[in-house]
Protein backbone atom coordinates (compact mmCIF):
# COMPACT_ATOMS: atom_id res chain seq x y z
CA MET A 1 80.92 -70.54 -93.21
CA ALA A 2 80.19 -66.85 -94.30
CA GLU A 3 82.22 -64.02 -94.53
CA GLY A 4 81.99 -60.03 -94.61
CA LEU A 5 81.60 -58.88 -97.49
CA PRO A 6 83.52 -55.26 -98.74
CA LEU A 7 81.02 -52.22 -98.72
CA THR A 8 81.89 -49.30 -101.27
CA VAL A 9 79.51 -46.59 -101.20
CA ARG A 10 79.97 -43.52 -103.39
CA ASP A 11 77.66 -40.23 -104.12
CA LEU A 12 74.80 -41.90 -102.29
CA ALA A 13 71.87 -39.57 -102.34
CA VAL A 14 68.10 -40.36 -101.17
CA SER A 15 65.38 -37.75 -101.52
CA GLY A 16 62.43 -37.76 -100.02
CA GLU A 17 58.68 -37.39 -101.04
CA ARG A 18 59.24 -33.66 -102.29
CA GLY A 19 62.29 -34.06 -103.57
CA ARG A 20 64.45 -32.30 -101.03
CA THR A 21 67.72 -34.60 -100.39
CA ILE A 22 67.68 -36.38 -97.01
CA LEU A 23 70.81 -37.93 -96.65
CA SER A 24 74.22 -37.52 -98.68
CA LEU A 25 76.77 -39.30 -98.23
CA ALA A 26 80.10 -38.92 -100.76
CA SER A 27 81.98 -41.98 -99.41
CA LEU A 28 82.40 -44.89 -97.13
CA ASP A 29 84.48 -47.91 -97.56
CA LEU A 30 84.29 -50.35 -95.07
CA ALA A 31 86.37 -53.64 -94.78
CA PRO A 32 84.82 -57.20 -94.34
CA GLY A 33 83.96 -58.63 -90.88
CA THR A 34 83.68 -54.86 -89.65
CA ALA A 35 80.99 -53.96 -86.81
CA LEU A 36 79.93 -50.20 -88.07
CA GLY A 37 78.05 -48.09 -85.64
CA VAL A 38 75.62 -45.12 -87.23
CA GLU A 39 74.91 -42.41 -84.86
CA GLY A 40 73.38 -38.94 -84.87
CA PRO A 41 69.86 -37.26 -83.38
CA SER A 42 66.93 -38.33 -84.11
CA GLY A 43 66.19 -37.39 -87.93
CA ALA A 44 69.44 -37.30 -88.71
CA GLY A 45 69.45 -40.05 -91.23
CA LYS A 46 70.66 -43.14 -89.97
CA SER A 47 67.73 -45.11 -90.71
CA THR A 48 67.56 -44.47 -94.25
CA LEU A 49 70.85 -45.19 -94.53
CA ILE A 50 70.98 -48.46 -93.49
CA TYR A 51 67.87 -49.13 -95.42
CA ALA A 52 69.73 -48.04 -98.78
CA LEU A 53 72.91 -50.05 -97.85
CA ALA A 54 70.15 -52.73 -97.57
CA GLY A 55 68.46 -51.88 -100.58
CA LEU A 56 65.46 -51.35 -98.80
CA ALA A 57 65.13 -46.97 -99.42
CA THR A 58 63.50 -45.83 -102.61
CA ARG A 59 64.46 -42.24 -104.62
CA VAL A 60 68.24 -43.33 -104.64
CA GLU A 61 70.79 -42.34 -106.22
CA GLY A 62 74.49 -43.19 -106.18
CA ALA A 63 76.34 -46.60 -106.19
CA VAL A 64 76.21 -49.02 -103.05
CA THR A 65 78.86 -51.73 -103.56
CA TRP A 66 78.68 -55.27 -101.43
CA GLY A 67 81.57 -56.93 -103.08
CA ARG A 68 80.99 -57.30 -106.62
CA THR A 69 77.17 -56.46 -106.54
CA ASP A 70 76.12 -52.94 -107.20
CA LEU A 71 72.94 -53.16 -105.32
CA LEU A 72 71.49 -50.13 -106.42
CA SER A 73 71.90 -50.97 -109.77
CA LEU A 74 69.54 -53.95 -109.38
CA GLY A 75 65.75 -54.34 -110.17
CA PRO A 76 63.43 -54.84 -107.31
CA GLU A 77 63.32 -59.02 -107.09
CA ALA A 78 66.93 -59.10 -107.53
CA ARG A 79 67.25 -57.03 -104.48
CA ALA A 80 65.15 -58.93 -103.01
CA ARG A 81 67.18 -61.63 -103.63
CA PHE A 82 70.17 -60.48 -102.70
CA ARG A 83 69.02 -59.68 -99.16
CA SER A 84 67.17 -62.52 -98.87
CA GLU A 85 70.46 -64.80 -99.74
CA ARG A 86 73.16 -62.92 -98.10
CA VAL A 87 71.86 -59.98 -95.63
CA GLY A 88 70.17 -60.85 -92.35
CA LEU A 89 67.92 -57.53 -90.85
CA ILE A 90 67.04 -56.49 -87.34
CA PHE A 91 64.30 -53.91 -87.05
CA GLN A 92 63.39 -52.00 -84.42
CA ASP A 93 60.02 -52.97 -83.79
CA PHE A 94 60.82 -56.83 -84.23
CA LEU A 95 58.75 -57.63 -87.20
CA LEU A 96 57.68 -60.86 -85.54
CA PHE A 97 54.35 -62.92 -86.60
CA ASP A 98 52.76 -63.31 -83.33
CA GLU A 99 50.83 -66.09 -83.60
CA LEU A 100 53.87 -68.19 -84.35
CA GLY A 101 56.00 -69.66 -81.52
CA ALA A 102 60.09 -68.75 -81.70
CA GLU A 103 61.45 -71.22 -83.87
CA ALA A 104 58.90 -70.77 -86.86
CA ASN A 105 59.50 -67.32 -86.66
CA ALA A 106 63.32 -67.56 -86.35
CA ALA A 107 62.92 -70.19 -89.10
CA ILE A 108 60.63 -68.29 -91.32
CA LEU A 109 63.22 -67.74 -94.09
CA ALA A 110 62.85 -71.53 -94.65
CA SER A 111 59.52 -70.91 -96.14
CA PHE A 112 60.72 -68.94 -99.04
CA THR A 113 63.49 -71.25 -100.14
CA PRO A 114 64.62 -73.93 -101.88
CA ARG A 115 63.48 -77.39 -100.51
CA THR A 116 67.25 -78.65 -99.98
CA GLY A 117 68.50 -75.38 -98.23
CA ARG A 118 65.00 -75.59 -95.48
CA GLY A 119 66.65 -78.05 -93.23
CA ALA A 120 69.53 -76.03 -92.27
CA ILE A 121 67.53 -72.85 -91.52
CA ARG A 122 65.73 -74.26 -89.42
CA GLY A 123 68.67 -75.90 -87.28
CA GLN A 124 70.31 -72.85 -87.52
CA ALA A 125 67.09 -71.60 -86.30
CA ARG A 126 67.15 -73.62 -83.26
CA ASP A 127 70.73 -73.97 -82.22
CA LEU A 128 70.34 -69.90 -82.38
CA LEU A 129 67.21 -69.76 -80.35
CA ASP A 130 69.08 -71.96 -77.49
CA ARG A 131 72.39 -70.54 -77.52
CA LEU A 132 70.60 -67.07 -76.96
CA GLY A 133 68.74 -68.25 -73.93
CA VAL A 134 65.15 -67.97 -76.06
CA PRO A 135 62.94 -71.24 -74.33
CA ARG A 136 61.00 -72.86 -77.76
CA ALA A 137 57.98 -73.99 -75.65
CA ALA A 138 54.55 -74.44 -77.49
CA ARG A 139 53.37 -70.63 -76.80
CA THR A 140 53.37 -67.74 -79.50
CA VAL A 141 56.03 -64.76 -79.06
CA ALA A 142 53.33 -62.53 -78.41
CA SER A 143 53.81 -63.55 -74.62
CA TYR A 144 57.42 -62.86 -75.04
CA SER A 145 59.27 -60.00 -73.36
CA GLY A 146 60.98 -57.83 -75.11
CA GLY A 147 64.22 -59.16 -74.54
CA GLU A 148 63.04 -62.53 -75.46
CA ARG A 149 61.44 -60.93 -78.74
CA GLN A 150 64.95 -58.90 -79.84
CA ARG A 151 66.66 -61.96 -79.17
CA VAL A 152 64.23 -63.94 -81.52
CA ALA A 153 64.63 -61.39 -84.06
CA VAL A 154 68.32 -61.94 -83.46
CA ALA A 155 68.57 -65.71 -84.35
CA ARG A 156 66.06 -64.80 -87.24
CA ALA A 157 68.70 -62.73 -88.79
CA LEU A 158 71.45 -64.89 -88.51
CA ALA A 159 69.77 -68.53 -88.91
CA HIS A 160 70.50 -67.87 -92.56
CA ASP A 161 73.99 -67.56 -92.50
CA PRO A 162 74.18 -64.55 -94.03
CA MET A 163 77.05 -62.46 -95.01
CA ILE A 164 75.59 -59.03 -93.60
CA VAL A 165 73.76 -58.68 -90.55
CA ILE A 166 71.94 -54.57 -90.32
CA ALA A 167 70.05 -53.95 -87.08
CA ASP A 168 68.10 -50.41 -86.68
CA GLU A 169 68.20 -49.25 -83.03
CA PRO A 170 68.24 -53.08 -81.94
CA THR A 171 68.73 -52.03 -78.36
CA ALA A 172 65.94 -49.13 -78.24
CA ALA A 173 63.07 -51.40 -76.72
CA LEU A 174 65.29 -52.93 -73.72
CA HIS A 175 66.25 -52.45 -70.13
CA ARG A 176 70.07 -51.83 -69.67
CA GLN A 177 71.06 -55.20 -68.78
CA ALA A 178 69.01 -56.80 -71.45
CA ALA A 179 70.32 -54.37 -73.64
CA ASP A 180 73.91 -55.03 -72.88
CA ALA A 181 73.20 -58.93 -73.34
CA LEU A 182 71.58 -58.40 -75.96
CA THR A 183 75.16 -56.82 -77.27
CA ASP A 184 77.07 -59.49 -76.30
CA ASP A 185 74.86 -61.74 -78.21
CA LEU A 186 74.89 -60.02 -81.07
CA LEU A 187 78.38 -59.34 -81.54
CA THR A 188 79.61 -62.82 -80.25
CA ALA A 189 77.34 -64.18 -83.40
CA VAL A 190 78.57 -61.85 -85.56
CA ARG A 191 82.08 -62.05 -85.09
CA GLU A 192 82.61 -65.56 -85.07
CA ARG A 193 81.30 -65.50 -88.07
CA GLY A 194 83.69 -63.00 -89.66
CA ARG A 195 80.23 -61.13 -90.60
CA THR A 196 79.68 -57.74 -91.32
CA LEU A 197 77.67 -55.86 -88.97
CA ILE A 198 76.03 -52.30 -89.54
CA VAL A 199 73.80 -51.03 -86.77
CA ALA A 200 72.17 -47.23 -86.82
CA SER A 201 71.82 -46.30 -82.83
CA HIS A 202 71.46 -44.27 -80.14
CA ASP A 203 72.62 -46.98 -77.32
CA GLU A 204 76.37 -44.99 -76.37
CA ARG A 205 77.16 -48.44 -74.69
CA LEU A 206 76.61 -50.45 -77.98
CA LEU A 207 78.19 -47.92 -80.15
CA ALA A 208 81.36 -48.22 -78.04
CA ARG A 209 81.46 -51.49 -78.92
CA MET A 210 82.13 -51.24 -82.72
CA ASP A 211 85.11 -51.62 -84.44
CA ARG A 212 84.16 -47.80 -86.34
CA ARG A 213 81.53 -45.37 -85.88
CA LEU A 214 80.19 -42.88 -88.05
CA ARG A 215 77.98 -39.43 -87.00
CA LEU A 216 75.32 -38.37 -89.24
CA VAL A 217 73.91 -34.93 -88.82
CA ASP A 218 70.95 -33.49 -91.32
CA GLY A 219 71.55 -36.15 -93.28
CA ALA A 220 75.08 -35.62 -93.77
CA LEU A 221 78.27 -37.13 -92.52
CA ALA A 222 79.71 -35.23 -89.74
CA GLU A 223 82.49 -37.03 -88.56
CA ALA A 224 83.57 -41.13 -88.78
CA ALA A 225 86.53 -42.68 -86.36
């Protein structure tokens, strides 16, 4: 069973194209298995922060350490390998392959995994889709509702049993009932496996269910709880 990794951030700074600092965070320590909500107004740096924590941001300085891995000291290929092995990503706009079905989307990482690990990912993807109530009928996800598509994205993020789950506005495209159901699904899937969860969101009801909250304003930490 995967377990969350401790996170240590020190002197993190992300610059924009013209050299202006768009995010600055002196320190952050997160215990393994914690659910952290990142909040703040639009443009505050929420997405920039979670992309930096996933090793996806560019023009980054400082240290982002997951367990014993200093993510920012790694080259692009090593960062990509770390993400494929240990991080599940949920994007606001889903980033699904519309021409594929739910199961093929949820198990997409199997295509980039050594043959010996492909069966486990595909089996986990099927189990997650069933538990999340997503139909695995022979149709493409282009015909799915927003809630169904988001659940497919969650199944894809969790199918390889990652230690870390990072989500950018996972409920933004959903109506309230679907957003609450998705929050239930995500927290259950994360907490029953001891994963570390980091969510950037404007959704107060989602944020209220996190273990900790961090608020950004103008690219800097305003308050934490």
